[in-house]
mmCIF file of all heavy atoms, coordinates in Angstrom:
data_MODEL
# 
_entry.id   MODEL 
# 
loop_
_atom_site.group_PDB 
_atom_site.id 
_atom_site.type_symbol 
_atom_site.label_atom_id 
_atom_site.label_alt_id 
_atom_site.label_comp_id 
_atom_site.label_asym_id 
_atom_site.label_entity_id 
_atom_site.label_seq_id 
_atom_site.pdbx_PDB_ins_code 
_atom_site.Cartn_x 
_atom_site.Cartn_y 
_atom_site.Cartn_z 
_atom_site.occupancy 
_atom_site.B_iso_or_equiv 
_atom_site.pdbx_formal_charge 
_atom_site.auth_seq_id 
_atom_site.auth_comp_id 
_atom_site.auth_asym_id 
_atom_site.auth_atom_id 
_atom_site.pdbx_PDB_model_num 
ATOM 1   N N   . LEU A 1 1  ? 72.638 118.568 118.381 1.00 0.00 ? 1  LEU A N   1 
ATOM 2   C CA  . LEU A 1 1  ? 72.995 117.587 117.354 1.00 0.00 ? 1  LEU A CA  1 
ATOM 3   C C   . LEU A 1 1  ? 73.690 118.230 116.154 1.00 0.00 ? 1  LEU A C   1 
ATOM 4   O O   . LEU A 1 1  ? 74.412 117.566 115.427 1.00 0.00 ? 1  LEU A O   1 
ATOM 5   C CB  . LEU A 1 1  ? 71.736 116.839 116.899 1.00 0.00 ? 1  LEU A CB  1 
ATOM 6   C CG  . LEU A 1 1  ? 71.915 115.651 115.989 1.00 0.00 ? 1  LEU A CG  1 
ATOM 7   C CD1 . LEU A 1 1  ? 72.764 114.583 116.668 1.00 0.00 ? 1  LEU A CD1 1 
ATOM 8   C CD2 . LEU A 1 1  ? 70.577 115.067 115.608 1.00 0.00 ? 1  LEU A CD2 1 
ATOM 9   N N   . MET A 1 2  ? 73.509 119.528 115.983 1.00 0.00 ? 2  MET A N   1 
ATOM 10  C CA  . MET A 1 2  ? 74.046 120.295 114.853 1.00 0.00 ? 2  MET A CA  1 
ATOM 11  C C   . MET A 1 2  ? 73.775 119.591 113.519 1.00 0.00 ? 2  MET A C   1 
ATOM 12  O O   . MET A 1 2  ? 74.690 119.107 112.857 1.00 0.00 ? 2  MET A O   1 
ATOM 13  C CB  . MET A 1 2  ? 75.534 120.559 115.027 1.00 0.00 ? 2  MET A CB  1 
ATOM 14  C CG  . MET A 1 2  ? 75.828 121.507 116.155 1.00 0.00 ? 2  MET A CG  1 
ATOM 15  S SD  . MET A 1 2  ? 77.532 122.041 116.214 1.00 0.00 ? 2  MET A SD  1 
ATOM 16  C CE  . MET A 1 2  ? 78.386 120.539 116.610 1.00 0.00 ? 2  MET A CE  1 
ATOM 17  N N   . PRO A 1 3  ? 72.505 119.510 113.098 1.00 0.00 ? 3  PRO A N   1 
ATOM 18  C CA  . PRO A 1 3  ? 72.177 118.774 111.879 1.00 0.00 ? 3  PRO A CA  1 
ATOM 19  C C   . PRO A 1 3  ? 72.788 119.368 110.621 1.00 0.00 ? 3  PRO A C   1 
ATOM 20  O O   . PRO A 1 3  ? 72.998 118.650 109.650 1.00 0.00 ? 3  PRO A O   1 
ATOM 21  C CB  . PRO A 1 3  ? 70.650 118.829 111.826 1.00 0.00 ? 3  PRO A CB  1 
ATOM 22  C CG  . PRO A 1 3  ? 70.275 120.004 112.641 1.00 0.00 ? 3  PRO A CG  1 
ATOM 23  C CD  . PRO A 1 3  ? 71.325 120.112 113.707 1.00 0.00 ? 3  PRO A CD  1 
ATOM 24  N N   . GLU A 1 4  ? 73.108 120.642 110.627 1.00 0.00 ? 4  GLU A N   1 
ATOM 25  C CA  . GLU A 1 4  ? 73.718 121.234 109.440 1.00 0.00 ? 4  GLU A CA  1 
ATOM 26  C C   . GLU A 1 4  ? 75.098 120.635 109.167 1.00 0.00 ? 4  GLU A C   1 
ATOM 27  O O   . GLU A 1 4  ? 75.570 120.641 108.035 1.00 0.00 ? 4  GLU A O   1 
ATOM 28  C CB  . GLU A 1 4  ? 73.803 122.755 109.558 1.00 0.00 ? 4  GLU A CB  1 
ATOM 29  C CG  . GLU A 1 4  ? 74.518 123.272 110.771 1.00 0.00 ? 4  GLU A CG  1 
ATOM 30  C CD  . GLU A 1 4  ? 73.645 123.416 112.018 1.00 0.00 ? 4  GLU A CD  1 
ATOM 31  O OE1 . GLU A 1 4  ? 72.458 123.085 111.965 1.00 0.00 ? 4  GLU A OE1 1 
ATOM 32  O OE2 . GLU A 1 4  ? 74.184 123.854 113.039 1.00 0.00 ? 4  GLU A OE2 1 
ATOM 33  N N   . ILE A 1 5  ? 75.747 120.077 110.170 1.00 0.00 ? 5  ILE A N   1 
ATOM 34  C CA  . ILE A 1 5  ? 77.042 119.408 109.993 1.00 0.00 ? 5  ILE A CA  1 
ATOM 35  C C   . ILE A 1 5  ? 76.875 117.899 110.010 1.00 0.00 ? 5  ILE A C   1 
ATOM 36  O O   . ILE A 1 5  ? 77.371 117.200 109.133 1.00 0.00 ? 5  ILE A O   1 
ATOM 37  C CB  . ILE A 1 5  ? 78.033 119.846 111.088 1.00 0.00 ? 5  ILE A CB  1 
ATOM 38  C CG1 . ILE A 1 5  ? 78.336 121.334 110.945 1.00 0.00 ? 5  ILE A CG1 1 
ATOM 39  C CG2 . ILE A 1 5  ? 79.311 119.026 111.026 1.00 0.00 ? 5  ILE A CG2 1 
ATOM 40  C CD1 . ILE A 1 5  ? 79.144 121.910 112.076 1.00 0.00 ? 5  ILE A CD1 1 
ATOM 41  N N   . SER A 1 6  ? 76.161 117.397 111.018 1.00 0.00 ? 6  SER A N   1 
ATOM 42  C CA  . SER A 1 6  ? 76.089 115.941 111.200 1.00 0.00 ? 6  SER A CA  1 
ATOM 43  C C   . SER A 1 6  ? 75.344 115.242 110.062 1.00 0.00 ? 6  SER A C   1 
ATOM 44  O O   . SER A 1 6  ? 75.747 114.167 109.635 1.00 0.00 ? 6  SER A O   1 
ATOM 45  C CB  . SER A 1 6  ? 75.440 115.609 112.547 1.00 0.00 ? 6  SER A CB  1 
ATOM 46  O OG  . SER A 1 6  ? 74.116 116.085 112.592 1.00 0.00 ? 6  SER A OG  1 
ATOM 47  N N   . ILE A 1 7  ? 74.299 115.827 109.546 1.00 0.00 ? 7  ILE A N   1 
ATOM 48  C CA  . ILE A 1 7  ? 73.558 115.190 108.457 1.00 0.00 ? 7  ILE A CA  1 
ATOM 49  C C   . ILE A 1 7  ? 74.328 115.347 107.147 1.00 0.00 ? 7  ILE A C   1 
ATOM 50  O O   . ILE A 1 7  ? 74.423 114.417 106.357 1.00 0.00 ? 7  ILE A O   1 
ATOM 51  C CB  . ILE A 1 7  ? 72.140 115.772 108.339 1.00 0.00 ? 7  ILE A CB  1 
ATOM 52  C CG1 . ILE A 1 7  ? 71.334 115.363 109.559 1.00 0.00 ? 7  ILE A CG1 1 
ATOM 53  C CG2 . ILE A 1 7  ? 71.458 115.309 107.068 1.00 0.00 ? 7  ILE A CG2 1 
ATOM 54  C CD1 . ILE A 1 7  ? 69.987 115.981 109.644 1.00 0.00 ? 7  ILE A CD1 1 
ATOM 55  N N   . THR A 1 8  ? 74.897 116.517 106.932 1.00 0.00 ? 8  THR A N   1 
ATOM 56  C CA  . THR A 1 8  ? 75.588 116.780 105.678 1.00 0.00 ? 8  THR A CA  1 
ATOM 57  C C   . THR A 1 8  ? 76.809 115.885 105.500 1.00 0.00 ? 8  THR A C   1 
ATOM 58  O O   . THR A 1 8  ? 77.039 115.360 104.415 1.00 0.00 ? 8  THR A O   1 
ATOM 59  C CB  . THR A 1 8  ? 76.024 118.251 105.614 1.00 0.00 ? 8  THR A CB  1 
ATOM 60  O OG1 . THR A 1 8  ? 74.883 119.069 105.808 1.00 0.00 ? 8  THR A OG1 1 
ATOM 61  C CG2 . THR A 1 8  ? 76.654 118.576 104.285 1.00 0.00 ? 8  THR A CG2 1 
ATOM 62  N N   . TYR A 1 9  ? 77.582 115.683 106.533 1.00 0.00 ? 9  TYR A N   1 
ATOM 63  C CA  . TYR A 1 9  ? 78.839 114.955 106.388 1.00 0.00 ? 9  TYR A CA  1 
ATOM 64  C C   . TYR A 1 9  ? 78.810 113.575 107.043 1.00 0.00 ? 9  TYR A C   1 
ATOM 65  O O   . TYR A 1 9  ? 79.096 112.569 106.401 1.00 0.00 ? 9  TYR A O   1 
ATOM 66  C CB  . TYR A 1 9  ? 79.992 115.771 106.976 1.00 0.00 ? 9  TYR A CB  1 
ATOM 67  C CG  . TYR A 1 9  ? 80.156 117.107 106.296 1.00 0.00 ? 9  TYR A CG  1 
ATOM 68  C CD1 . TYR A 1 9  ? 79.811 118.277 106.932 1.00 0.00 ? 9  TYR A CD1 1 
ATOM 69  C CD2 . TYR A 1 9  ? 80.631 117.175 104.993 1.00 0.00 ? 9  TYR A CD2 1 
ATOM 70  C CE1 . TYR A 1 9  ? 79.950 119.500 106.293 1.00 0.00 ? 9  TYR A CE1 1 
ATOM 71  C CE2 . TYR A 1 9  ? 80.781 118.392 104.351 1.00 0.00 ? 9  TYR A CE2 1 
ATOM 72  C CZ  . TYR A 1 9  ? 80.435 119.549 105.010 1.00 0.00 ? 9  TYR A CZ  1 
ATOM 73  O OH  . TYR A 1 9  ? 80.564 120.755 104.378 1.00 0.00 ? 9  TYR A OH  1 
ATOM 74  N N   . VAL A 1 10 ? 78.474 113.527 108.311 1.00 0.00 ? 10 VAL A N   1 
ATOM 75  C CA  . VAL A 1 10 ? 78.582 112.280 109.070 1.00 0.00 ? 10 VAL A CA  1 
ATOM 76  C C   . VAL A 1 10 ? 77.559 111.250 108.610 1.00 0.00 ? 10 VAL A C   1 
ATOM 77  O O   . VAL A 1 10 ? 77.901 110.094 108.350 1.00 0.00 ? 10 VAL A O   1 
ATOM 78  C CB  . VAL A 1 10 ? 78.453 112.563 110.584 1.00 0.00 ? 10 VAL A CB  1 
ATOM 79  C CG1 . VAL A 1 10 ? 78.525 111.277 111.371 1.00 0.00 ? 10 VAL A CG1 1 
ATOM 80  C CG2 . VAL A 1 10 ? 79.519 113.532 111.037 1.00 0.00 ? 10 VAL A CG2 1 
ATOM 81  N N   . ALA A 1 11 ? 76.308 111.636 108.487 1.00 0.00 ? 11 ALA A N   1 
ATOM 82  C CA  . ALA A 1 11 ? 75.261 110.673 108.131 1.00 0.00 ? 11 ALA A CA  1 
ATOM 83  C C   . ALA A 1 11 ? 75.451 110.141 106.717 1.00 0.00 ? 11 ALA A C   1 
ATOM 84  O O   . ALA A 1 11 ? 75.317 108.935 106.487 1.00 0.00 ? 11 ALA A O   1 
ATOM 85  C CB  . ALA A 1 11 ? 73.885 111.317 108.279 1.00 0.00 ? 11 ALA A CB  1 
ATOM 86  N N   . VAL A 1 12 ? 75.775 110.998 105.776 1.00 0.00 ? 12 VAL A N   1 
ATOM 87  C CA  . VAL A 1 12 ? 75.977 110.546 104.401 1.00 0.00 ? 12 VAL A CA  1 
ATOM 88  C C   . VAL A 1 12 ? 77.185 109.614 104.318 1.00 0.00 ? 12 VAL A C   1 
ATOM 89  O O   . VAL A 1 12 ? 77.141 108.572 103.661 1.00 0.00 ? 12 VAL A O   1 
ATOM 90  C CB  . VAL A 1 12 ? 76.139 111.751 103.447 1.00 0.00 ? 12 VAL A CB  1 
ATOM 91  C CG1 . VAL A 1 12 ? 76.528 111.310 102.065 1.00 0.00 ? 12 VAL A CG1 1 
ATOM 92  C CG2 . VAL A 1 12 ? 74.852 112.565 103.415 1.00 0.00 ? 12 VAL A CG2 1 
ATOM 93  N N   . SER A 1 13 ? 78.261 109.947 105.014 1.00 0.00 ? 13 SER A N   1 
ATOM 94  C CA  . SER A 1 13 ? 79.438 109.078 105.036 1.00 0.00 ? 13 SER A CA  1 
ATOM 95  C C   . SER A 1 13 ? 79.114 107.726 105.659 1.00 0.00 ? 13 SER A C   1 
ATOM 96  O O   . SER A 1 13 ? 79.569 106.687 105.166 1.00 0.00 ? 13 SER A O   1 
ATOM 97  C CB  . SER A 1 13 ? 80.571 109.742 105.816 1.00 0.00 ? 13 SER A CB  1 
ATOM 98  O OG  . SER A 1 13 ? 80.938 110.951 105.220 1.00 0.00 ? 13 SER A OG  1 
ATOM 99  N N   . ALA A 1 14 ? 78.351 107.722 106.740 1.00 0.00 ? 14 ALA A N   1 
ATOM 100 C CA  . ALA A 1 14 ? 77.982 106.463 107.396 1.00 0.00 ? 14 ALA A CA  1 
ATOM 101 C C   . ALA A 1 14 ? 77.121 105.594 106.485 1.00 0.00 ? 14 ALA A C   1 
ATOM 102 O O   . ALA A 1 14 ? 77.278 104.365 106.454 1.00 0.00 ? 14 ALA A O   1 
ATOM 103 C CB  . ALA A 1 14 ? 77.250 106.755 108.707 1.00 0.00 ? 14 ALA A CB  1 
ATOM 104 N N   . ILE A 1 15 ? 76.230 106.207 105.741 1.00 0.00 ? 15 ILE A N   1 
ATOM 105 C CA  . ILE A 1 15 ? 75.372 105.442 104.824 1.00 0.00 ? 15 ILE A CA  1 
ATOM 106 C C   . ILE A 1 15 ? 76.214 104.783 103.732 1.00 0.00 ? 15 ILE A C   1 
ATOM 107 O O   . ILE A 1 15 ? 76.054 103.593 103.443 1.00 0.00 ? 15 ILE A O   1 
ATOM 108 C CB  . ILE A 1 15 ? 74.289 106.354 104.216 1.00 0.00 ? 15 ILE A CB  1 
ATOM 109 C CG1 . ILE A 1 15 ? 73.257 106.716 105.283 1.00 0.00 ? 15 ILE A CG1 1 
ATOM 110 C CG2 . ILE A 1 15 ? 73.619 105.687 103.020 1.00 0.00 ? 15 ILE A CG2 1 
ATOM 111 C CD1 . ILE A 1 15 ? 72.310 107.813 104.878 1.00 0.00 ? 15 ILE A CD1 1 
ATOM 112 N N   . PHE A 1 16 ? 77.142 105.532 103.127 1.00 0.00 ? 16 PHE A N   1 
ATOM 113 C CA  . PHE A 1 16 ? 77.984 104.948 102.089 1.00 0.00 ? 16 PHE A CA  1 
ATOM 114 C C   . PHE A 1 16 ? 78.924 103.890 102.660 1.00 0.00 ? 16 PHE A C   1 
ATOM 115 O O   . PHE A 1 16 ? 79.184 102.873 102.024 1.00 0.00 ? 16 PHE A O   1 
ATOM 116 C CB  . PHE A 1 16 ? 78.766 106.031 101.352 1.00 0.00 ? 16 PHE A CB  1 
ATOM 117 C CG  . PHE A 1 16 ? 77.960 106.699 100.282 1.00 0.00 ? 16 PHE A CG  1 
ATOM 118 C CD1 . PHE A 1 16 ? 77.419 107.950 100.483 1.00 0.00 ? 16 PHE A CD1 1 
ATOM 119 C CD2 . PHE A 1 16 ? 77.733 106.056 99.077  1.00 0.00 ? 16 PHE A CD2 1 
ATOM 120 C CE1 . PHE A 1 16 ? 76.676 108.570 99.499  1.00 0.00 ? 16 PHE A CE1 1 
ATOM 121 C CE2 . PHE A 1 16 ? 76.983 106.664 98.077  1.00 0.00 ? 16 PHE A CE2 1 
ATOM 122 C CZ  . PHE A 1 16 ? 76.456 107.920 98.298  1.00 0.00 ? 16 PHE A CZ  1 
ATOM 123 N N   . PHE A 1 17 ? 79.438 104.112 103.862 1.00 0.00 ? 17 PHE A N   1 
ATOM 124 C CA  . PHE A 1 17 ? 80.314 103.122 104.497 1.00 0.00 ? 17 PHE A CA  1 
ATOM 125 C C   . PHE A 1 17 ? 79.556 101.835 104.768 1.00 0.00 ? 17 PHE A C   1 
ATOM 126 O O   . PHE A 1 17 ? 80.044 100.736 104.495 1.00 0.00 ? 17 PHE A O   1 
ATOM 127 C CB  . PHE A 1 17 ? 80.896 103.692 105.795 1.00 0.00 ? 17 PHE A CB  1 
ATOM 128 C CG  . PHE A 1 17 ? 81.819 102.749 106.494 1.00 0.00 ? 17 PHE A CG  1 
ATOM 129 C CD1 . PHE A 1 17 ? 83.077 102.494 105.979 1.00 0.00 ? 17 PHE A CD1 1 
ATOM 130 C CD2 . PHE A 1 17 ? 81.430 102.125 107.663 1.00 0.00 ? 17 PHE A CD2 1 
ATOM 131 C CE1 . PHE A 1 17 ? 83.943 101.625 106.627 1.00 0.00 ? 17 PHE A CE1 1 
ATOM 132 C CE2 . PHE A 1 17 ? 82.284 101.250 108.312 1.00 0.00 ? 17 PHE A CE2 1 
ATOM 133 C CZ  . PHE A 1 17 ? 83.542 101.000 107.793 1.00 0.00 ? 17 PHE A CZ  1 
ATOM 134 N N   . ASN A 1 18 ? 78.339 101.962 105.291 1.00 0.00 ? 18 ASN A N   1 
ATOM 135 C CA  . ASN A 1 18 ? 77.506 100.784 105.562 1.00 0.00 ? 18 ASN A CA  1 
ATOM 136 C C   . ASN A 1 18 ? 77.162 100.050 104.272 1.00 0.00 ? 18 ASN A C   1 
ATOM 137 O O   . ASN A 1 18 ? 77.154 98.820  104.236 1.00 0.00 ? 18 ASN A O   1 
ATOM 138 C CB  . ASN A 1 18 ? 76.239 101.201 106.307 1.00 0.00 ? 18 ASN A CB  1 
ATOM 139 C CG  . ASN A 1 18 ? 75.498 100.038 106.880 1.00 0.00 ? 18 ASN A CG  1 
ATOM 140 O OD1 . ASN A 1 18 ? 76.071 98.983  107.118 1.00 0.00 ? 18 ASN A OD1 1 
ATOM 141 N ND2 . ASN A 1 18 ? 74.214 100.226 107.117 1.00 0.00 ? 18 ASN A ND2 1 
ATOM 142 N N   . SER A 1 19 ? 76.905 100.773 103.211 1.00 0.00 ? 19 SER A N   1 
ATOM 143 C CA  . SER A 1 19 ? 76.630 100.141 101.921 1.00 0.00 ? 19 SER A CA  1 
ATOM 144 C C   . SER A 1 19 ? 77.858 99.395  101.405 1.00 0.00 ? 19 SER A C   1 
ATOM 145 O O   . SER A 1 19 ? 77.743 98.310  100.850 1.00 0.00 ? 19 SER A O   1 
ATOM 146 C CB  . SER A 1 19 ? 76.214 101.181 100.890 1.00 0.00 ? 19 SER A CB  1 
ATOM 147 O OG  . SER A 1 19 ? 75.008 101.784 101.265 1.00 0.00 ? 19 SER A OG  1 
ATOM 148 N N   . GLY A 1 20 ? 79.017 99.964  101.592 1.00 0.00 ? 20 GLY A N   1 
ATOM 149 C CA  . GLY A 1 20 ? 80.245 99.309  101.172 1.00 0.00 ? 20 GLY A CA  1 
ATOM 150 C C   . GLY A 1 20 ? 80.525 98.040  101.945 1.00 0.00 ? 20 GLY A C   1 
ATOM 151 O O   . GLY A 1 20 ? 81.040 97.061  101.406 1.00 0.00 ? 20 GLY A O   1 
ATOM 152 N N   . LEU A 1 21 ? 80.178 98.033  103.227 1.00 0.00 ? 21 LEU A N   1 
ATOM 153 C CA  . LEU A 1 21 ? 80.379 96.832  104.038 1.00 0.00 ? 21 LEU A CA  1 
ATOM 154 C C   . LEU A 1 21 ? 79.470 95.693  103.605 1.00 0.00 ? 21 LEU A C   1 
ATOM 155 O O   . LEU A 1 21 ? 79.811 94.526  103.801 1.00 0.00 ? 21 LEU A O   1 
ATOM 156 C CB  . LEU A 1 21 ? 80.143 97.138  105.517 1.00 0.00 ? 21 LEU A CB  1 
ATOM 157 C CG  . LEU A 1 21 ? 81.189 97.986  106.210 1.00 0.00 ? 21 LEU A CG  1 
ATOM 158 C CD1 . LEU A 1 21 ? 80.776 98.225  107.651 1.00 0.00 ? 21 LEU A CD1 1 
ATOM 159 C CD2 . LEU A 1 21 ? 82.551 97.332  106.151 1.00 0.00 ? 21 LEU A CD2 1 
ATOM 160 N N   . SER A 1 22 ? 78.349 96.022  103.027 1.00 0.00 ? 22 SER A N   1 
ATOM 161 C CA  . SER A 1 22 ? 77.401 94.973  102.640 1.00 0.00 ? 22 SER A CA  1 
ATOM 162 C C   . SER A 1 22 ? 77.697 94.376  101.264 1.00 0.00 ? 22 SER A C   1 
ATOM 163 O O   . SER A 1 22 ? 77.017 93.453  100.849 1.00 0.00 ? 22 SER A O   1 
ATOM 164 C CB  . SER A 1 22 ? 75.972 95.524  102.667 1.00 0.00 ? 22 SER A CB  1 
ATOM 165 O OG  . SER A 1 22 ? 75.815 96.499  101.665 1.00 0.00 ? 22 SER A OG  1 
ATOM 166 N N   . LEU A 1 23 ? 78.709 94.883  100.553 1.00 0.00 ? 23 LEU A N   1 
ATOM 167 C CA  . LEU A 1 23 ? 79.062 94.306  99.259  1.00 0.00 ? 23 LEU A CA  1 
ATOM 168 C C   . LEU A 1 23 ? 79.616 92.894  99.438  1.00 0.00 ? 23 LEU A C   1 
ATOM 169 O O   . LEU A 1 23 ? 80.361 92.630  100.366 1.00 0.00 ? 23 LEU A O   1 
ATOM 170 C CB  . LEU A 1 23 ? 80.120 95.156  98.557  1.00 0.00 ? 23 LEU A CB  1 
ATOM 171 C CG  . LEU A 1 23 ? 79.676 96.477  97.976  1.00 0.00 ? 23 LEU A CG  1 
ATOM 172 C CD1 . LEU A 1 23 ? 80.885 97.218  97.416  1.00 0.00 ? 23 LEU A CD1 1 
ATOM 173 C CD2 . LEU A 1 23 ? 78.641 96.270  96.901  1.00 0.00 ? 23 LEU A CD2 1 
ATOM 174 N N   . LYS A 1 24 ? 79.268 92.033  98.546  1.00 0.00 ? 24 LYS A N   1 
ATOM 175 C CA  . LYS A 1 24 ? 79.800 90.680  98.572  1.00 0.00 ? 24 LYS A CA  1 
ATOM 176 C C   . LYS A 1 24 ? 81.242 90.686  98.082  1.00 0.00 ? 24 LYS A C   1 
ATOM 177 O O   . LYS A 1 24 ? 81.605 91.466  97.212  1.00 0.00 ? 24 LYS A O   1 
ATOM 178 C CB  . LYS A 1 24 ? 78.955 89.762  97.705  1.00 0.00 ? 24 LYS A CB  1 
ATOM 179 C CG  . LYS A 1 24 ? 77.535 89.617  98.197  1.00 0.00 ? 24 LYS A CG  1 
ATOM 180 C CD  . LYS A 1 24 ? 76.846 88.507  97.447  1.00 0.00 ? 24 LYS A CD  1 
ATOM 181 C CE  . LYS A 1 24 ? 75.407 88.377  97.819  1.00 0.00 ? 24 LYS A CE  1 
ATOM 182 N NZ  . LYS A 1 24 ? 75.096 88.317  99.194  1.00 0.00 ? 24 LYS A NZ  1 
ATOM 183 N N   . THR A 1 25 ? 82.059 89.812  98.642  1.00 0.00 ? 25 THR A N   1 
ATOM 184 C CA  . THR A 1 25 ? 83.470 89.801  98.266  1.00 0.00 ? 25 THR A CA  1 
ATOM 185 C C   . THR A 1 25 ? 83.670 89.314  96.839  1.00 0.00 ? 25 THR A C   1 
ATOM 186 O O   . THR A 1 25 ? 84.660 89.661  96.212  1.00 0.00 ? 25 THR A O   1 
ATOM 187 C CB  . THR A 1 25 ? 84.278 88.920  99.230  1.00 0.00 ? 25 THR A CB  1 
ATOM 188 O OG1 . THR A 1 25 ? 83.696 87.617  99.275  1.00 0.00 ? 25 THR A OG1 1 
ATOM 189 C CG2 . THR A 1 25 ? 84.295 89.521  100.611 1.00 0.00 ? 25 THR A CG2 1 
ATOM 190 N N   . GLU A 1 26 ? 82.732 88.531  96.310  1.00 0.00 ? 26 GLU A N   1 
ATOM 191 C CA  . GLU A 1 26 ? 82.855 88.088  94.925  1.00 0.00 ? 26 GLU A CA  1 
ATOM 192 C C   . GLU A 1 26 ? 82.732 89.266  93.968  1.00 0.00 ? 26 GLU A C   1 
ATOM 193 O O   . GLU A 1 26 ? 83.279 89.257  92.878  1.00 0.00 ? 26 GLU A O   1 
ATOM 194 C CB  . GLU A 1 26 ? 81.777 87.057  94.552  1.00 0.00 ? 26 GLU A CB  1 
ATOM 195 C CG  . GLU A 1 26 ? 81.760 85.822  95.402  1.00 0.00 ? 26 GLU A CG  1 
ATOM 196 C CD  . GLU A 1 26 ? 80.838 85.951  96.597  1.00 0.00 ? 26 GLU A CD  1 
ATOM 197 O OE1 . GLU A 1 26 ? 79.717 86.463  96.427  1.00 0.00 ? 26 GLU A OE1 1 
ATOM 198 O OE2 . GLU A 1 26 ? 81.246 85.558  97.684  1.00 0.00 ? 26 GLU A OE2 1 
ATOM 199 N N   . PHE A 1 27 ? 81.977 90.279  94.372  1.00 0.00 ? 27 PHE A N   1 
ATOM 200 C CA  . PHE A 1 27 ? 81.765 91.441  93.523  1.00 0.00 ? 27 PHE A CA  1 
ATOM 201 C C   . PHE A 1 27 ? 83.016 92.319  93.459  1.00 0.00 ? 27 PHE A C   1 
ATOM 202 O O   . PHE A 1 27 ? 83.257 92.994  92.478  1.00 0.00 ? 27 PHE A O   1 
ATOM 203 C CB  . PHE A 1 27 ? 80.573 92.247  94.044  1.00 0.00 ? 27 PHE A CB  1 
ATOM 204 C CG  . PHE A 1 27 ? 80.229 93.415  93.179  1.00 0.00 ? 27 PHE A CG  1 
ATOM 205 C CD1 . PHE A 1 27 ? 79.686 93.222  91.917  1.00 0.00 ? 27 PHE A CD1 1 
ATOM 206 C CD2 . PHE A 1 27 ? 80.443 94.705  93.617  1.00 0.00 ? 27 PHE A CD2 1 
ATOM 207 C CE1 . PHE A 1 27 ? 79.374 94.300  91.116  1.00 0.00 ? 27 PHE A CE1 1 
ATOM 208 C CE2 . PHE A 1 27 ? 80.136 95.782  92.821  1.00 0.00 ? 27 PHE A CE2 1 
ATOM 209 C CZ  . PHE A 1 27 ? 79.596 95.579  91.563  1.00 0.00 ? 27 PHE A CZ  1 
# 
């Protein structure tokens, strides 16, 4: 899984991307 790469870059990016998708369009 190479957590030193996947957690540092991929997981953090996915979390922020998912948070951005959940923003309401009015905001």
